């Protein structure tokens, strides 16, 4: 983001389009909760 001089919003939209961030509520990805839930699932 810093190297490409793109805004956070633009980078987030691209991540959503590529499937890296949730399209509806990206807060889960940005805060790490989505990864935490997946890790907890695999550990149980």
Protein backbone atom coordinates (compact mmCIF):
# COMPACT_ATOMS: atom_id res chain seq x y z
CA UNK A 1 0.00 0.00 0.00
CA UNK A 2 2.74 2.44 0.92
CA UNK A 3 4.90 1.43 -2.02
CA UNK A 4 2.09 1.75 -4.55
CA UNK A 5 0.68 5.05 -3.22
CA UNK A 6 -2.81 3.54 -3.08
CA UNK A 7 -5.33 4.38 -0.40
CA UNK A 8 -6.34 1.84 2.21
CA UNK A 9 -9.82 1.77 0.73
CA UNK A 10 -8.51 0.92 -2.74
CA UNK A 11 -6.25 -1.82 -1.39
CA UNK A 12 -9.12 -3.28 0.65
CA UNK A 13 -11.41 -3.31 -2.38
CA UNK A 14 -8.75 -5.15 -4.37
CA UNK A 15 -8.26 -7.67 -1.54
CA UNK A 16 -12.02 -8.25 -1.43
CA UNK A 17 -12.16 -8.72 -5.20
CA UNK A 18 -9.33 -11.27 -5.04
CA UNK A 19 -10.97 -13.13 -2.14
CA UNK A 20 -8.45 -12.22 0.55
CA UNK A 21 -10.89 -10.10 2.59
CA UNK A 22 -14.54 -10.75 3.34
CA UNK A 23 -16.76 -8.78 0.96
CA UNK A 24 -19.50 -8.04 3.50
CA UNK A 25 -17.61 -7.36 6.71
CA UNK A 26 -13.85 -7.06 6.28
CA UNK A 27 -13.42 -6.21 10.00
CA UNK A 28 -13.21 -9.94 10.73
CA UNK A 29 -10.16 -10.23 8.48
CA UNK A 30 -8.59 -6.93 9.46
CA UNK A 31 -8.81 -7.63 13.19
CA UNK A 32 -7.58 -11.21 12.85
CA UNK A 33 -10.78 -12.78 14.20
CA UNK A 34 -11.39 -14.81 11.06
CA UNK A 35 -7.94 -16.39 11.25
CA UNK A 36 -8.39 -17.02 14.97
CA UNK A 37 -11.72 -18.80 14.41
CA UNK A 38 -10.22 -20.98 11.69
CA UNK A 39 -7.26 -21.87 13.91
CA UNK A 40 -9.59 -22.77 16.79
CA UNK A 41 -11.67 -24.93 14.44
CA UNK A 42 -8.63 -26.88 13.25
CA UNK A 43 -7.30 -27.36 16.77
CA UNK A 44 -10.52 -28.98 18.03
